[in-house]
Amino acid sequence: MSRGPVRQALATLKNEGLIRVSRGKPAVVRSRDATQTLDTFTPFTQWAERVGRIAGNRTIEVARRRASETAMEALGLTADDFVVEVLRVRLLDGEPAMIERSTFIESVGSLLFEFDTDSGSMTDYLASRGVYFDSMEHVLDAVAAGPDDAANLGIAPGSPLLRERRVSRDQHGVVFECADDRYRPDVVTFSIVNARTKFSSAEQT
């Protein structure tokens, strides 16, 4: 079989996002089933591994600064309080998938200055330091990509992004993190599992 049709077929599959082609390496089939669930919490790195993808990180900033109004409201802080903000691009198979903006109370966020945020999961690292993501509240909506997010995600400004806003509590019920994560919907989707609420006989009318 001549190489022409093979190359044409590979080019078509690459353009459709079904394979990934790297110079000097064989073509790799890409899974489109990158679906995140919200009924249980799974860190990005662990979730990527479960769906057969390779997670990566590109840190843009880790900074200590005064709490913003959003952080004050979410974390119960005052204008005099400091927070630690982390801005990262999360990757799937080397492709930008999500902009992660995490804001931590100072006592927790300061631990991250001892961690290479490009090296892996902040969730796992904080757990190793005794801070666990025990419960979360999520809000999902859609936003348009601003110039900075568009550049970091490799998409056009104004492209739709799936936004997940989150407030996290530790094992003691203390709110310690709020986050604003923005996903490329062509790379990651969400699924939510609902179940009928069960009432006891005393609660039924």
N, C-alpha and C. Protein backbone atom coordinates (compact mmCIF):
# COMPACT_ATOMS: atom_id res chain seq x y z
N MET A 1 0.85 -1.19 0.00
CA MET A 1 0.00 0.00 0.00
C MET A 1 0.88 1.23 0.00
N SER A 2 0.59 2.20 -0.87
CA SER A 2 1.40 3.41 -0.94
C SER A 2 1.22 4.25 0.31
N ARG A 3 2.22 5.13 0.58
CA ARG A 3 2.17 5.95 1.78
C ARG A 3 1.20 7.10 1.66
N GLY A 4 0.87 7.50 0.42
CA GLY A 4 -0.01 8.66 0.24
C GLY A 4 -1.35 8.52 0.94
N PRO A 5 -2.12 7.45 0.65
CA PRO A 5 -3.42 7.28 1.32
C PRO A 5 -3.30 7.15 2.84
N VAL A 6 -2.21 6.51 3.30
CA VAL A 6 -2.01 6.36 4.75
C VAL A 6 -1.82 7.73 5.40
N ARG A 7 -0.97 8.55 4.78
CA ARG A 7 -0.73 9.88 5.32
C ARG A 7 -2.01 10.72 5.31
N GLN A 8 -2.78 10.58 4.23
CA GLN A 8 -4.03 11.33 4.14
C GLN A 8 -5.00 10.90 5.23
N ALA A 9 -5.08 9.59 5.48
CA ALA A 9 -5.98 9.09 6.51
C ALA A 9 -5.55 9.57 7.89
N LEU A 10 -4.23 9.54 8.14
CA LEU A 10 -3.72 10.01 9.43
C LEU A 10 -3.99 11.49 9.62
N ALA A 11 -3.84 12.26 8.54
CA ALA A 11 -4.09 13.70 8.62
C ALA A 11 -5.55 13.97 8.94
N THR A 12 -6.45 13.19 8.33
CA THR A 12 -7.88 13.36 8.59
C THR A 12 -8.21 13.04 10.05
N LEU A 13 -7.66 11.94 10.55
CA LEU A 13 -7.91 11.56 11.94
C LEU A 13 -7.34 12.59 12.91
N LYS A 14 -6.18 13.15 12.58
CA LYS A 14 -5.58 14.18 13.43
C LYS A 14 -6.45 15.42 13.46
N ASN A 15 -6.94 15.84 12.29
CA ASN A 15 -7.78 17.04 12.21
C ASN A 15 -9.08 16.87 12.98
N GLU A 16 -9.57 15.64 13.04
CA GLU A 16 -10.81 15.36 13.77
C GLU A 16 -10.57 15.13 15.26
N GLY A 17 -9.29 15.20 15.66
CA GLY A 17 -8.96 15.05 17.07
C GLY A 17 -8.99 13.62 17.58
N LEU A 18 -8.98 12.65 16.67
CA LEU A 18 -9.08 11.25 17.08
C LEU A 18 -7.73 10.62 17.36
N ILE A 19 -6.65 11.20 16.84
CA ILE A 19 -5.31 10.70 17.13
C ILE A 19 -4.40 11.87 17.42
N ARG A 20 -3.29 11.58 18.10
CA ARG A 20 -2.26 12.58 18.35
C ARG A 20 -1.00 12.13 17.63
N VAL A 21 -0.41 12.99 16.85
CA VAL A 21 0.77 12.66 16.06
C VAL A 21 1.94 13.51 16.53
N SER A 22 3.05 12.87 16.87
CA SER A 22 4.28 13.57 17.25
C SER A 22 5.39 13.12 16.32
N ARG A 23 6.28 14.05 15.99
CA ARG A 23 7.36 13.73 15.06
C ARG A 23 8.24 12.62 15.64
N GLY A 24 8.49 11.61 14.83
CA GLY A 24 9.36 10.53 15.24
C GLY A 24 8.70 9.48 16.11
N LYS A 25 7.38 9.63 16.37
CA LYS A 25 6.66 8.68 17.22
C LYS A 25 5.42 8.19 16.48
N PRO A 26 4.96 6.98 16.82
CA PRO A 26 3.74 6.48 16.17
C PRO A 26 2.52 7.27 16.60
N ALA A 27 1.49 7.25 15.75
CA ALA A 27 0.24 7.94 16.09
C ALA A 27 -0.40 7.27 17.29
N VAL A 28 -0.99 8.10 18.16
CA VAL A 28 -1.64 7.60 19.37
C VAL A 28 -3.12 7.95 19.31
N VAL A 29 -3.97 6.96 19.55
CA VAL A 29 -5.41 7.20 19.56
C VAL A 29 -5.79 8.00 20.79
N ARG A 30 -6.59 9.05 20.59
CA ARG A 30 -7.04 9.89 21.69
C ARG A 30 -8.45 9.51 22.09
N SER A 31 -8.69 9.47 23.39
CA SER A 31 -10.04 9.22 23.89
C SER A 31 -10.81 10.52 23.99
N ARG A 32 -12.05 10.51 23.54
CA ARG A 32 -12.91 11.68 23.67
C ARG A 32 -13.73 11.61 24.96
N ASP A 33 -13.54 10.55 25.73
CA ASP A 33 -14.36 10.34 26.91
C ASP A 33 -13.74 10.98 28.15
N ALA A 34 -13.28 12.23 28.04
CA ALA A 34 -12.73 12.94 29.19
C ALA A 34 -13.88 13.61 29.92
N THR A 35 -14.60 12.81 30.71
CA THR A 35 -15.78 13.30 31.41
C THR A 35 -15.53 13.29 32.90
N GLN A 36 -15.70 14.44 33.53
CA GLN A 36 -15.51 14.59 34.96
C GLN A 36 -16.87 14.51 35.64
N THR A 37 -16.91 13.87 36.81
CA THR A 37 -18.15 13.78 37.57
C THR A 37 -18.07 14.66 38.80
N LEU A 38 -19.24 15.13 39.26
CA LEU A 38 -19.29 15.98 40.43
C LEU A 38 -19.93 15.29 41.63
N ASP A 39 -20.37 14.03 41.46
CA ASP A 39 -20.98 13.36 42.60
C ASP A 39 -19.94 12.92 43.62
N THR A 40 -18.70 12.72 43.18
CA THR A 40 -17.59 12.45 44.09
C THR A 40 -16.41 13.30 43.66
N PHE A 41 -15.52 13.60 44.61
CA PHE A 41 -14.38 14.44 44.29
C PHE A 41 -13.19 13.58 43.91
N THR A 42 -12.66 13.80 42.73
CA THR A 42 -11.44 13.13 42.28
C THR A 42 -10.48 14.20 41.79
N PRO A 43 -9.29 14.29 42.38
CA PRO A 43 -8.31 15.27 41.92
C PRO A 43 -8.04 15.12 40.42
N PHE A 44 -7.73 16.23 39.77
CA PHE A 44 -7.53 16.25 38.32
C PHE A 44 -6.54 15.18 37.87
N THR A 45 -5.41 15.07 38.58
CA THR A 45 -4.38 14.11 38.18
C THR A 45 -4.90 12.68 38.25
N GLN A 46 -5.58 12.33 39.34
CA GLN A 46 -6.11 10.98 39.48
C GLN A 46 -7.21 10.71 38.46
N TRP A 47 -8.06 11.71 38.23
CA TRP A 47 -9.14 11.55 37.25
C TRP A 47 -8.57 11.29 35.86
N ALA A 48 -7.54 12.06 35.48
CA ALA A 48 -6.92 11.88 34.17
C ALA A 48 -6.39 10.46 34.01
N GLU A 49 -5.75 9.95 35.05
CA GLU A 49 -5.22 8.59 34.98
C GLU A 49 -6.35 7.57 34.81
N ARG A 50 -7.47 7.80 35.46
CA ARG A 50 -8.59 6.86 35.38
C ARG A 50 -9.18 6.78 33.99
N VAL A 51 -9.15 7.90 33.26
CA VAL A 51 -9.72 7.90 31.90
C VAL A 51 -8.64 7.67 30.85
N GLY A 52 -7.46 7.25 31.30
CA GLY A 52 -6.40 6.89 30.36
C GLY A 52 -5.68 8.06 29.73
N ARG A 53 -5.68 9.19 30.42
CA ARG A 53 -4.99 10.38 29.91
C ARG A 53 -3.80 10.71 30.80
N ILE A 54 -2.90 11.54 30.29
CA ILE A 54 -1.73 11.96 31.05
C ILE A 54 -1.92 13.41 31.49
N ALA A 55 -1.94 13.64 32.79
CA ALA A 55 -2.13 14.98 33.33
C ALA A 55 -0.81 15.72 33.39
N GLY A 56 -0.88 17.03 33.21
CA GLY A 56 0.30 17.87 33.32
C GLY A 56 -0.08 19.23 33.87
N ASN A 57 0.90 19.99 34.29
CA ASN A 57 0.67 21.31 34.87
C ASN A 57 1.66 22.31 34.33
N ARG A 58 1.19 23.53 34.14
CA ARG A 58 2.08 24.64 33.82
C ARG A 58 1.70 25.80 34.74
N THR A 59 2.53 26.06 35.72
CA THR A 59 2.23 27.09 36.71
C THR A 59 2.54 28.47 36.15
N ILE A 60 1.58 29.36 36.28
CA ILE A 60 1.77 30.75 35.87
C ILE A 60 2.14 31.61 37.06
N GLU A 61 1.52 31.32 38.22
CA GLU A 61 1.77 32.16 39.38
C GLU A 61 1.39 31.44 40.67
N VAL A 62 2.22 31.63 41.69
CA VAL A 62 1.88 31.31 43.08
C VAL A 62 2.24 32.55 43.88
N ALA A 63 1.24 33.21 44.47
CA ALA A 63 1.50 34.51 45.08
C ALA A 63 0.69 34.70 46.36
N ARG A 64 1.30 35.40 47.30
CA ARG A 64 0.63 35.80 48.54
C ARG A 64 0.20 37.25 48.38
N ARG A 65 -1.07 37.52 48.61
CA ARG A 65 -1.58 38.88 48.48
C ARG A 65 -2.82 39.06 49.35
N ARG A 66 -3.28 40.31 49.44
CA ARG A 66 -4.49 40.59 50.20
C ARG A 66 -5.69 39.89 49.57
N ALA A 67 -6.62 39.49 50.40
CA ALA A 67 -7.81 38.80 49.91
C ALA A 67 -8.68 39.73 49.08
N SER A 68 -9.14 39.24 47.94
CA SER A 68 -10.09 39.98 47.11
C SER A 68 -11.47 39.92 47.75
N GLU A 69 -12.39 40.70 47.20
CA GLU A 69 -13.76 40.67 47.72
C GLU A 69 -14.38 39.29 47.57
N THR A 70 -14.10 38.66 46.43
CA THR A 70 -14.62 37.31 46.21
C THR A 70 -14.09 36.34 47.24
N ALA A 71 -12.78 36.42 47.52
CA ALA A 71 -12.16 35.53 48.50
C ALA A 71 -12.67 35.82 49.91
N MET A 72 -12.84 37.10 50.22
CA MET A 72 -13.35 37.45 51.55
C MET A 72 -14.72 36.83 51.79
N GLU A 73 -15.58 36.93 50.79
CA GLU A 73 -16.93 36.38 50.93
C GLU A 73 -16.92 34.86 51.02
N ALA A 74 -16.14 34.21 50.16
CA ALA A 74 -16.13 32.75 50.11
C ALA A 74 -15.42 32.12 51.30
N LEU A 75 -14.35 32.77 51.77
CA LEU A 75 -13.52 32.19 52.82
C LEU A 75 -13.75 32.79 54.19
N GLY A 76 -14.65 33.77 54.28
CA GLY A 76 -14.93 34.38 55.57
C GLY A 76 -13.78 35.22 56.10
N LEU A 77 -13.12 35.96 55.21
CA LEU A 77 -11.95 36.76 55.59
C LEU A 77 -12.30 38.24 55.63
N THR A 78 -11.33 39.04 56.07
CA THR A 78 -11.47 40.49 56.07
C THR A 78 -10.46 41.09 55.12
N ALA A 79 -10.57 42.39 54.90
CA ALA A 79 -9.66 43.07 53.98
C ALA A 79 -8.22 43.07 54.48
N ASP A 80 -8.01 42.80 55.76
CA ASP A 80 -6.66 42.75 56.32
C ASP A 80 -6.00 41.39 56.18
N ASP A 81 -6.78 40.39 55.77
CA ASP A 81 -6.25 39.03 55.68
C ASP A 81 -5.51 38.79 54.36
N PHE A 82 -4.52 37.91 54.42
CA PHE A 82 -3.78 37.50 53.23
C PHE A 82 -4.25 36.12 52.77
N VAL A 83 -4.11 35.89 51.49
CA VAL A 83 -4.39 34.58 50.90
C VAL A 83 -3.21 34.20 50.00
N VAL A 84 -3.20 32.94 49.59
CA VAL A 84 -2.23 32.48 48.59
C VAL A 84 -3.02 32.06 47.36
N GLU A 85 -2.69 32.67 46.23
CA GLU A 85 -3.39 32.38 44.98
C GLU A 85 -2.48 31.58 44.05
N VAL A 86 -3.05 30.56 43.43
CA VAL A 86 -2.32 29.71 42.48
C VAL A 86 -3.05 29.76 41.14
N LEU A 87 -2.30 30.06 40.11
CA LEU A 87 -2.84 30.08 38.75
C LEU A 87 -2.05 29.08 37.91
N ARG A 88 -2.75 28.06 37.41
CA ARG A 88 -2.09 27.03 36.61
C ARG A 88 -2.90 26.70 35.37
N VAL A 89 -2.20 26.23 34.35
CA VAL A 89 -2.84 25.60 33.19
C VAL A 89 -2.74 24.10 33.40
N ARG A 90 -3.88 23.41 33.38
CA ARG A 90 -3.87 21.96 33.51
C ARG A 90 -3.93 21.35 32.11
N LEU A 91 -3.12 20.33 31.92
CA LEU A 91 -2.94 19.72 30.61
C LEU A 91 -3.46 18.28 30.60
N LEU A 92 -3.96 17.86 29.45
CA LEU A 92 -4.29 16.46 29.19
C LEU A 92 -3.52 16.02 27.96
N ASP A 93 -2.64 15.04 28.13
CA ASP A 93 -1.79 14.57 27.03
C ASP A 93 -1.04 15.74 26.39
N GLY A 94 -0.62 16.68 27.21
CA GLY A 94 0.16 17.82 26.73
C GLY A 94 -0.67 18.95 26.15
N GLU A 95 -1.98 18.79 26.09
CA GLU A 95 -2.86 19.80 25.50
C GLU A 95 -3.55 20.60 26.61
N PRO A 96 -3.56 21.94 26.52
CA PRO A 96 -4.24 22.74 27.54
C PRO A 96 -5.72 22.36 27.64
N ALA A 97 -6.17 22.05 28.85
CA ALA A 97 -7.55 21.63 29.06
C ALA A 97 -8.32 22.55 29.99
N MET A 98 -7.60 23.22 30.91
CA MET A 98 -8.30 23.96 31.94
C MET A 98 -7.39 25.02 32.55
N ILE A 99 -7.98 26.17 32.88
CA ILE A 99 -7.31 27.20 33.67
C ILE A 99 -7.78 27.04 35.11
N GLU A 100 -6.85 26.86 36.01
CA GLU A 100 -7.16 26.62 37.41
C GLU A 100 -6.74 27.84 38.24
N ARG A 101 -7.73 28.45 38.89
CA ARG A 101 -7.47 29.56 39.81
C ARG A 101 -7.91 29.13 41.21
N SER A 102 -6.94 28.89 42.08
CA SER A 102 -7.24 28.46 43.44
C SER A 102 -6.77 29.52 44.42
N THR A 103 -7.62 29.81 45.40
CA THR A 103 -7.28 30.77 46.44
C THR A 103 -7.41 30.08 47.79
N PHE A 104 -6.32 30.08 48.56
CA PHE A 104 -6.27 29.39 49.84
C PHE A 104 -6.12 30.38 50.98
N ILE A 105 -6.69 30.03 52.14
CA ILE A 105 -6.38 30.81 53.32
C ILE A 105 -4.88 30.71 53.57
N GLU A 106 -4.32 31.72 54.19
CA GLU A 106 -2.86 31.82 54.26
C GLU A 106 -2.21 30.62 54.95
N SER A 107 -2.81 30.12 56.02
CA SER A 107 -2.19 29.02 56.76
C SER A 107 -2.04 27.76 55.91
N VAL A 108 -2.96 27.55 54.97
CA VAL A 108 -2.88 26.39 54.08
C VAL A 108 -2.06 26.72 52.84
N GLY A 109 -2.34 27.86 52.22
CA GLY A 109 -1.64 28.21 51.00
C GLY A 109 -0.14 28.36 51.17
N SER A 110 0.30 28.79 52.36
CA SER A 110 1.73 28.97 52.58
C SER A 110 2.49 27.65 52.46
N LEU A 111 1.80 26.52 52.67
CA LEU A 111 2.45 25.22 52.51
C LEU A 111 2.89 24.99 51.07
N LEU A 112 2.20 25.61 50.13
CA LEU A 112 2.49 25.38 48.71
C LEU A 112 3.78 26.04 48.26
N PHE A 113 4.32 26.95 49.04
CA PHE A 113 5.61 27.53 48.69
C PHE A 113 6.74 26.51 48.85
N GLU A 114 6.43 25.39 49.51
CA GLU A 114 7.41 24.31 49.67
C GLU A 114 7.17 23.19 48.66
N PHE A 115 6.28 23.43 47.71
CA PHE A 115 5.89 22.39 46.74
C PHE A 115 6.08 22.91 45.32
N ASP A 116 6.59 22.05 44.45
CA ASP A 116 6.71 22.38 43.03
C ASP A 116 5.36 22.13 42.38
N THR A 117 4.61 23.20 42.13
CA THR A 117 3.25 23.06 41.61
C THR A 117 3.21 22.55 40.17
N ASP A 118 4.34 22.47 39.50
CA ASP A 118 4.40 21.85 38.17
C ASP A 118 4.55 20.33 38.27
N SER A 119 4.87 19.85 39.47
CA SER A 119 5.27 18.45 39.59
C SER A 119 4.11 17.48 39.78
N GLY A 120 2.94 17.99 40.18
CA GLY A 120 1.85 17.06 40.41
C GLY A 120 0.67 17.69 41.10
N SER A 121 -0.01 16.90 41.92
CA SER A 121 -1.29 17.27 42.52
C SER A 121 -1.11 18.06 43.81
N MET A 122 -1.68 19.27 43.86
CA MET A 122 -1.70 20.03 45.11
C MET A 122 -2.56 19.32 46.14
N THR A 123 -3.63 18.67 45.68
CA THR A 123 -4.51 17.94 46.59
C THR A 123 -3.75 16.86 47.34
N ASP A 124 -2.97 16.08 46.62
CA ASP A 124 -2.19 15.01 47.25
C ASP A 124 -1.13 15.59 48.18
N TYR A 125 -0.49 16.68 47.75
CA TYR A 125 0.54 17.28 48.59
C TYR A 125 -0.06 17.81 49.89
N LEU A 126 -1.18 18.53 49.80
CA LEU A 126 -1.79 19.07 51.01
C LEU A 126 -2.26 17.94 51.93
N ALA A 127 -2.74 16.84 51.35
CA ALA A 127 -3.12 15.70 52.18
C ALA A 127 -1.91 15.16 52.94
N SER A 128 -0.75 15.17 52.30
CA SER A 128 0.46 14.71 52.98
C SER A 128 0.87 15.63 54.11
N ARG A 129 0.35 16.87 54.08
CA ARG A 129 0.62 17.83 55.14
C ARG A 129 -0.54 17.93 56.13
N GLY A 130 -1.51 17.03 55.99
CA GLY A 130 -2.60 16.97 56.96
C GLY A 130 -3.82 17.79 56.63
N VAL A 131 -3.92 18.31 55.40
CA VAL A 131 -5.07 19.11 54.98
C VAL A 131 -5.82 18.33 53.91
N TYR A 132 -7.07 17.97 54.18
CA TYR A 132 -7.84 17.13 53.27
C TYR A 132 -9.04 17.89 52.71
N PHE A 133 -9.29 17.69 51.42
CA PHE A 133 -10.50 18.21 50.79
C PHE A 133 -11.64 17.28 51.17
N ASP A 134 -12.38 17.64 52.22
CA ASP A 134 -13.39 16.73 52.77
C ASP A 134 -14.75 16.93 52.12
N SER A 135 -15.15 18.17 51.86
CA SER A 135 -16.43 18.43 51.22
C SER A 135 -16.33 19.69 50.37
N MET A 136 -17.19 19.77 49.36
CA MET A 136 -17.13 20.88 48.41
C MET A 136 -18.52 21.30 47.98
N GLU A 137 -18.63 22.56 47.63
CA GLU A 137 -19.83 23.10 47.01
C GLU A 137 -19.44 23.58 45.61
N HIS A 138 -20.23 23.20 44.60
CA HIS A 138 -19.90 23.51 43.21
C HIS A 138 -21.00 24.37 42.58
N VAL A 139 -20.57 25.28 41.72
CA VAL A 139 -21.49 26.04 40.88
C VAL A 139 -20.94 25.97 39.46
N LEU A 140 -21.78 25.56 38.50
CA LEU A 140 -21.36 25.44 37.10
C LEU A 140 -22.08 26.48 36.25
N ASP A 141 -21.32 27.11 35.37
CA ASP A 141 -21.92 27.99 34.37
C ASP A 141 -20.96 28.10 33.18
N ALA A 142 -21.31 28.92 32.22
CA ALA A 142 -20.48 29.11 31.03
C ALA A 142 -20.05 30.56 30.94
N VAL A 143 -18.80 30.78 30.51
CA VAL A 143 -18.28 32.13 30.34
C VAL A 143 -17.49 32.18 29.04
N ALA A 144 -17.24 33.39 28.56
CA ALA A 144 -16.42 33.58 27.37
C ALA A 144 -14.96 33.73 27.80
N ALA A 145 -14.06 33.17 27.03
CA ALA A 145 -12.64 33.25 27.34
C ALA A 145 -12.12 34.66 27.12
N GLY A 146 -11.49 35.22 28.15
CA GLY A 146 -10.82 36.50 28.01
C GLY A 146 -9.50 36.33 27.28
N PRO A 147 -8.81 37.43 26.98
CA PRO A 147 -7.56 37.33 26.21
C PRO A 147 -6.50 36.46 26.88
N ASP A 148 -6.32 36.60 28.20
CA ASP A 148 -5.29 35.82 28.89
C ASP A 148 -5.62 34.34 28.91
N ASP A 149 -6.87 34.01 29.27
CA ASP A 149 -7.27 32.61 29.29
C ASP A 149 -7.19 32.00 27.89
N ALA A 150 -7.60 32.76 26.90
CA ALA A 150 -7.56 32.26 25.52
C ALA A 150 -6.12 31.93 25.11
N ALA A 151 -5.20 32.84 25.45
CA ALA A 151 -3.80 32.61 25.09
C ALA A 151 -3.24 31.38 25.80
N ASN A 152 -3.57 31.23 27.08
CA ASN A 152 -3.04 30.10 27.84
C ASN A 152 -3.65 28.77 27.43
N LEU A 153 -4.87 28.81 26.90
CA LEU A 153 -5.54 27.58 26.48
C LEU A 153 -5.38 27.29 24.99
N GLY A 154 -4.80 28.23 24.25
CA GLY A 154 -4.61 28.02 22.83
C GLY A 154 -5.89 28.07 22.04
N ILE A 155 -6.81 28.95 22.45
CA ILE A 155 -8.10 29.09 21.76
C ILE A 155 -8.32 30.56 21.41
N ALA A 156 -9.37 30.83 20.66
CA ALA A 156 -9.67 32.21 20.27
C ALA A 156 -10.36 32.95 21.42
N PRO A 157 -10.05 34.24 21.60
CA PRO A 157 -10.77 35.04 22.60
C PRO A 157 -12.27 34.99 22.34
N GLY A 158 -13.04 34.91 23.40
CA GLY A 158 -14.49 34.82 23.26
C GLY A 158 -15.02 33.41 23.14
N SER A 159 -14.12 32.43 23.02
CA SER A 159 -14.57 31.03 22.94
C SER A 159 -15.26 30.64 24.25
N PRO A 160 -16.28 29.80 24.18
CA PRO A 160 -16.99 29.40 25.40
C PRO A 160 -16.13 28.49 26.28
N LEU A 161 -16.22 28.71 27.58
CA LEU A 161 -15.55 27.87 28.56
C LEU A 161 -16.57 27.41 29.59
N LEU A 162 -16.39 26.20 30.07
CA LEU A 162 -17.23 25.68 31.14
C LEU A 162 -16.56 26.03 32.47
N ARG A 163 -17.24 26.84 33.28
CA ARG A 163 -16.65 27.30 34.53
C ARG A 163 -17.22 26.53 35.72
N GLU A 164 -16.32 26.06 36.57
CA GLU A 164 -16.70 25.42 37.83
C GLU A 164 -16.15 26.27 38.97
N ARG A 165 -17.06 26.85 39.75
CA ARG A 165 -16.64 27.57 40.95
C ARG A 165 -16.86 26.66 42.15
N ARG A 166 -15.90 26.68 43.06
CA ARG A 166 -15.89 25.68 44.13
C ARG A 166 -15.45 26.31 45.45
N VAL A 167 -16.08 25.86 46.52
CA VAL A 167 -15.64 26.20 47.88
C VAL A 167 -15.38 24.89 48.60
N SER A 168 -14.20 24.76 49.21
CA SER A 168 -13.79 23.49 49.81
C SER A 168 -13.62 23.62 51.32
N ARG A 169 -14.02 22.56 52.02
CA ARG A 169 -13.84 22.48 53.47
C ARG A 169 -12.91 21.32 53.81
N ASP A 170 -12.17 21.48 54.91
CA ASP A 170 -11.28 20.41 55.33
C ASP A 170 -12.01 19.42 56.23
N GLN A 171 -11.26 18.48 56.79
CA GLN A 171 -11.85 17.42 57.60
C GLN A 171 -12.46 17.94 58.90
N HIS A 172 -12.18 19.19 59.25
CA HIS A 172 -12.75 19.79 60.45
C HIS A 172 -13.91 20.72 60.13
N GLY A 173 -14.30 20.79 58.86
CA GLY A 173 -15.40 21.65 58.45
C GLY A 173 -15.01 23.09 58.21
N VAL A 174 -13.72 23.37 58.17
CA VAL A 174 -13.22 24.73 57.98
C VAL A 174 -13.07 25.02 56.48
N VAL A 175 -13.63 26.13 56.03
CA VAL A 175 -13.45 26.54 54.63
C VAL A 175 -12.02 27.02 54.44
N PHE A 176 -11.32 26.43 53.47
CA PHE A 176 -9.91 26.80 53.29
C PHE A 176 -9.54 27.12 51.85
N GLU A 177 -10.43 26.85 50.90
CA GLU A 177 -10.10 27.11 49.49
C GLU A 177 -11.35 27.52 48.73
N CYS A 178 -11.18 28.47 47.83
CA CYS A 178 -12.21 28.73 46.82
C CYS A 178 -11.50 28.72 45.47
N ALA A 179 -12.20 28.28 44.45
CA ALA A 179 -11.55 28.08 43.16
C ALA A 179 -12.47 28.51 42.03
N ASP A 180 -11.85 28.86 40.92
CA ASP A 180 -12.54 29.21 39.69
C ASP A 180 -11.80 28.50 38.57
N ASP A 181 -12.33 27.35 38.16
CA ASP A 181 -11.69 26.52 37.13
C ASP A 181 -12.47 26.66 35.83
N ARG A 182 -11.75 26.87 34.74
CA ARG A 182 -12.40 27.09 33.44
C ARG A 182 -11.89 26.07 32.43
N TYR A 183 -12.81 25.24 31.95
CA TYR A 183 -12.48 24.11 31.09
C TYR A 183 -12.82 24.38 29.63
N ARG A 184 -11.98 23.85 28.75
CA ARG A 184 -12.33 23.81 27.34
C ARG A 184 -13.38 22.73 27.13
N PRO A 185 -14.59 23.07 26.68
CA PRO A 185 -15.64 22.06 26.54
C PRO A 185 -15.38 21.05 25.44
N ASP A 186 -14.44 21.36 24.54
CA ASP A 186 -14.10 20.39 23.51
C ASP A 186 -13.11 19.35 24.02
N VAL A 187 -12.60 19.56 25.24
CA VAL A 187 -11.63 18.64 25.81
C VAL A 187 -12.20 17.91 27.03
N VAL A 188 -12.96 18.62 27.86
CA VAL A 188 -13.50 18.05 29.10
C VAL A 188 -14.99 18.36 29.19
N THR A 189 -15.77 17.37 29.60
CA THR A 189 -17.18 17.57 29.90
C THR A 189 -17.46 17.10 31.32
N PHE A 190 -18.61 17.48 31.85
CA PHE A 190 -19.01 17.08 33.19
C PHE A 190 -20.25 16.20 33.13
N SER A 191 -20.34 15.27 34.07
CA SER A 191 -21.57 14.50 34.24
C SER A 191 -22.00 14.61 35.69
N ILE A 192 -23.31 14.71 35.90
CA ILE A 192 -23.87 14.81 37.24
C ILE A 192 -24.88 13.69 37.40
N VAL A 193 -24.73 12.91 38.45
CA VAL A 193 -25.62 11.78 38.70
C VAL A 193 -26.62 12.18 39.76
N ASN A 194 -27.91 12.09 39.44
CA ASN A 194 -28.98 12.40 40.39
C ASN A 194 -29.69 11.12 40.81
N ALA A 195 -30.16 11.12 42.04
CA ALA A 195 -30.94 9.99 42.54
C ALA A 195 -32.17 10.52 43.26
N ARG A 196 -33.25 9.76 43.20
CA ARG A 196 -34.47 10.16 43.88
C ARG A 196 -34.24 10.19 45.38
N THR A 197 -34.65 11.27 46.03
CA THR A 197 -34.48 11.39 47.47
C THR A 197 -35.37 10.37 48.18
N LYS A 198 -34.79 9.68 49.15
CA LYS A 198 -35.55 8.69 49.91
C LYS A 198 -36.02 9.30 51.23
N PHE A 199 -37.29 9.18 51.50
CA PHE A 199 -37.86 9.71 52.73
C PHE A 199 -38.25 8.56 53.65
N SER A 200 -38.14 8.80 54.94
CA SER A 200 -38.66 7.82 55.89
C SER A 200 -40.18 7.95 55.91
N SER A 201 -40.86 6.94 56.45
CA SER A 201 -42.32 6.96 56.48
C SER A 201 -42.84 8.14 57.29
N ALA A 202 -42.07 8.58 58.29
CA ALA A 202 -42.50 9.70 59.13
C ALA A 202 -42.43 11.01 58.37
N GLU A 203 -41.55 11.08 57.33
CA GLU A 203 -41.36 12.31 56.58
C GLU A 203 -42.34 12.42 55.42
N GLN A 204 -42.93 11.29 55.01
CA GLN A 204 -43.83 11.31 53.87
C GLN A 204 -45.21 11.81 54.29
N THR A 205 -45.84 12.55 53.39
CA THR A 205 -47.18 13.07 53.70
C THR A 205 -48.16 12.59 52.65
